[in-house]
């Protein structure tokens, strides 16, 4: 009887069936977390690049526009919707005109109080990337993956040169 037990124990020691399943159970959570992190970073980078490009287009528009202040709404529409009229769906969901700050500065770098600006700046303010994953619920803490997105673009106002 004792010999049979020893023989069975030795055959069990050499049996590798099920090892792959254990390895898979260890590796899958790590791979899923890495995949989720890559996807989340990709979404953040997409939102940042889209807002930066929209801000660049809008500041180009303002850099060549007359400084009557009427073009600010059209510039904000360029950032949000990608067109001057403000029609269609927002390019980045959740972005509103209140999230876009337009600043004109004079030649000394101070805020423009009157006259022709030297530079025009568009900044995205108070806008956060909304994560797909609720990290607070997963970790039962107050941790969050929501990150501020704050692109800013400044260009020299092009209509400051005297006519030829």
Foldseek 3Di string as FASTA:
>chain_A
DVVVVVVVVVVVVVDPPPVVVVVCVVVVVVVVVVVLVVVQVVLVVVVLVLLQVLQVVLQVVVLADDPPPPQLQQSLLCNQPVGSVNDDHGPDPPDDSVQKDKFFADPVRHGDPDDDGQKIKIKGPPDWDARPDAVCVVVVHPDHPIDDRIDMDMDTRDVPDDDD
